[in-house]
């Protein structure tokens, strides 16, 4: 997926029973690898399709609970629903 001149690649990592383990597993793949931050409907569709194509219905994403709401690791709050 290309966006704003940069390329985003999604990969499934089948190791990570917890959010922390999944995040470390992604980070071990390289300096730009991380759990996904969903910032658009297009990204949401791409990630959902990747999961469905692999028979999965859930995954770990780069968000955490923050004072009764959810916040992406880039600092944005998850106020939009796709």
C-alpha atoms as a PDB file:
ATOM      1  CA  UNK A   1       0.000   0.000   0.000  1.00  0.00           C
ATOM      2  CA  UNK A   2       1.427   3.367  -0.952  1.00  0.00           C
ATOM      3  CA  UNK A   3       0.418   6.534   0.817  1.00  0.00           C
ATOM      4  CA  UNK A   4       1.940  10.029   0.854  1.00  0.00           C
ATOM      5  CA  UNK A   5       4.957   8.790  -1.101  1.00  0.00           C
ATOM      6  CA  UNK A   6       5.787   6.077   1.408  1.00  0.00           C
ATOM      7  CA  UNK A   7       5.051   2.393   1.213  1.00  0.00           C
ATOM      8  CA  UNK A   8       3.323   0.405   3.925  1.00  0.00           C
ATOM      9  CA  UNK A   9       3.580  -3.346   4.042  1.00  0.00           C
ATOM     10  CA  UNK A  10       1.447  -5.496   6.309  1.00  0.00           C
ATOM     11  CA  UNK A  11       2.704  -8.839   7.531  1.00  0.00           C
ATOM     12  CA  UNK A  12       1.125 -11.400   9.802  1.00  0.00           C
ATOM     13  CA  UNK A  13       3.270 -12.600  12.669  1.00  0.00           C
ATOM     14  CA  UNK A  14       1.935 -15.789  14.202  1.00  0.00           C
ATOM     15  CA  UNK A  15       3.731 -15.427  17.510  1.00  0.00           C
ATOM     16  CA  UNK A  16       2.558 -13.208  20.293  1.00  0.00           C
ATOM     17  CA  UNK A  17       0.100 -14.303  22.913  1.00  0.00           C
ATOM     18  CA  UNK A  18       0.077 -10.825  24.391  1.00  0.00           C
ATOM     19  CA  UNK A  19       0.185  -7.299  23.018  1.00  0.00           C
ATOM     20  CA  UNK A  20       3.691  -6.767  24.448  1.00  0.00           C
ATOM     21  CA  UNK A  21       5.062  -9.965  22.906  1.00  0.00           C
ATOM     22  CA  UNK A  22       3.465  -9.164  19.544  1.00  0.00           C
ATOM     23  CA  UNK A  23       4.988  -5.677  19.614  1.00  0.00           C
ATOM     24  CA  UNK A  24       8.450  -7.026  20.406  1.00  0.00           C
ATOM     25  CA  UNK A  25       8.108  -9.643  17.670  1.00  0.00           C
ATOM     26  CA  UNK A  26       7.329  -6.917  15.122  1.00  0.00           C
ATOM     27  CA  UNK A  27      10.159  -4.689  16.348  1.00  0.00           C
ATOM     28  CA  UNK A  28      12.629  -7.560  15.982  1.00  0.00           C
ATOM     29  CA  UNK A  29      11.974  -7.552  12.211  1.00  0.00           C
ATOM     30  CA  UNK A  30      13.644  -4.185  11.684  1.00  0.00           C
ATOM     31  CA  UNK A  31      13.801  -0.547  12.756  1.00  0.00           C
ATOM     32  CA  UNK A  32      10.616   0.452  10.909  1.00  0.00           C
ATOM     33  CA  UNK A  33       8.544  -2.596  11.867  1.00  0.00           C
ATOM     34  CA  UNK A  34       5.777  -2.124  14.420  1.00  0.00           C
ATOM     35  CA  UNK A  35       2.236  -3.115  15.181  1.00  0.00           C
ATOM     36  CA  UNK A  36      -0.182  -1.463  12.769  1.00  0.00           C
ATOM     37  CA  UNK A  37      -1.651   1.977  13.445  1.00  0.00           C
ATOM     38  CA  UNK A  38      -4.903   2.360  11.495  1.00  0.00           C
ATOM     39  CA  UNK A  39      -5.370   5.935  10.284  1.00  0.00           C
ATOM     40  CA  UNK A  40      -7.727   5.498   7.350  1.00  0.00           C
ATOM     41  CA  UNK A  41     -10.587   3.425   6.026  1.00  0.00           C
ATOM     42  CA  UNK A  42      -8.211   2.210   3.283  1.00  0.00           C
ATOM     43  CA  UNK A  43      -5.790   0.806   5.859  1.00  0.00           C
ATOM     44  CA  UNK A  44      -8.638  -0.773   7.779  1.00  0.00           C
ATOM     45  CA  UNK A  45      -9.864  -2.524   4.621  1.00  0.00           C
ATOM     46  CA  UNK A  46      -6.350  -3.777   3.789  1.00  0.00           C
ATOM     47  CA  UNK A  47      -5.749  -5.163   7.282  1.00  0.00           C
ATOM     48  CA  UNK A  48      -9.210  -6.729   7.478  1.00  0.00           C
ATOM     49  CA  UNK A  49      -8.693  -8.406   4.083  1.00  0.00           C
ATOM     50  CA  UNK A  50      -5.289  -9.739   5.161  1.00  0.00           C
ATOM     51  CA  UNK A  51      -6.829 -11.254   8.272  1.00  0.00           C
ATOM     52  CA  UNK A  52      -9.797 -12.733   6.429  1.00  0.00           C
ATOM     53  CA  UNK A  53      -7.585 -14.162   3.669  1.00  0.00           C
ATOM     54  CA  UNK A  54      -5.699 -16.044   6.390  1.00  0.00           C
ATOM     55  CA  UNK A  55      -8.795 -17.231   8.263  1.00  0.00           C
ATOM     56  CA  UNK A  56      -8.305 -14.848  11.180  1.00  0.00           C
ATOM     57  CA  UNK A  57     -10.830 -12.605  12.870  1.00  0.00           C
ATOM     58  CA  UNK A  58      -8.632 -10.709  15.333  1.00  0.00           C
ATOM     59  CA  UNK A  59      -5.133  -9.319  15.727  1.00  0.00           C
ATOM     60  CA  UNK A  60      -2.983  -7.068  17.867  1.00  0.00           C
ATOM     61  CA  UNK A  61      -2.803  -3.450  16.726  1.00  0.00           C
ATOM     62  CA  UNK A  62      -0.671  -0.540  17.960  1.00  0.00           C
ATOM     63  CA  UNK A  63      -3.217   0.944  20.355  1.00  0.00           C
ATOM     64  CA  UNK A  64      -3.486   0.841  24.114  1.00  0.00           C
ATOM     65  CA  UNK A  65      -6.051   1.869  26.678  1.00  0.00           C
ATOM     66  CA  UNK A  66      -5.551   5.388  27.965  1.00  0.00           C
ATOM     67  CA  UNK A  67      -7.903   6.912  30.544  1.00  0.00           C
ATOM     68  CA  UNK A  68     -11.139   5.207  29.391  1.00  0.00           C
ATOM     69  CA  UNK A  69     -10.301   5.520  25.694  1.00  0.00           C
ATOM     70  CA  UNK A  70      -7.863   4.009  23.209  1.00  0.00           C
ATOM     71  CA  UNK A  71      -4.734   5.724  21.946  1.00  0.00           C
ATOM     72  CA  UNK A  72      -2.517   4.720  19.023  1.00  0.00           C
ATOM     73  CA  UNK A  73       1.185   4.453  19.800  1.00  0.00           C
ATOM     74  CA  UNK A  74       1.815   7.453  17.529  1.00  0.00           C
ATOM     75  CA  UNK A  75      -0.157   9.530  20.073  1.00  0.00           C
ATOM     76  CA  UNK A  76      -3.440   9.911  18.169  1.00  0.00           C
ATOM     77  CA  UNK A  77      -6.673   8.866  19.845  1.00  0.00           C
ATOM     78  CA  UNK A  78      -8.894   6.282  18.193  1.00  0.00           C
ATOM     79  CA  UNK A  79     -11.977   8.410  17.730  1.00  0.00           C
ATOM     80  CA  UNK A  80     -12.803   7.361  14.171  1.00  0.00           C
ATOM     81  CA  UNK A  81     -14.702   4.164  13.452  1.00  0.00           C
ATOM     82  CA  UNK A  82     -14.190   2.500  10.091  1.00  0.00           C
END
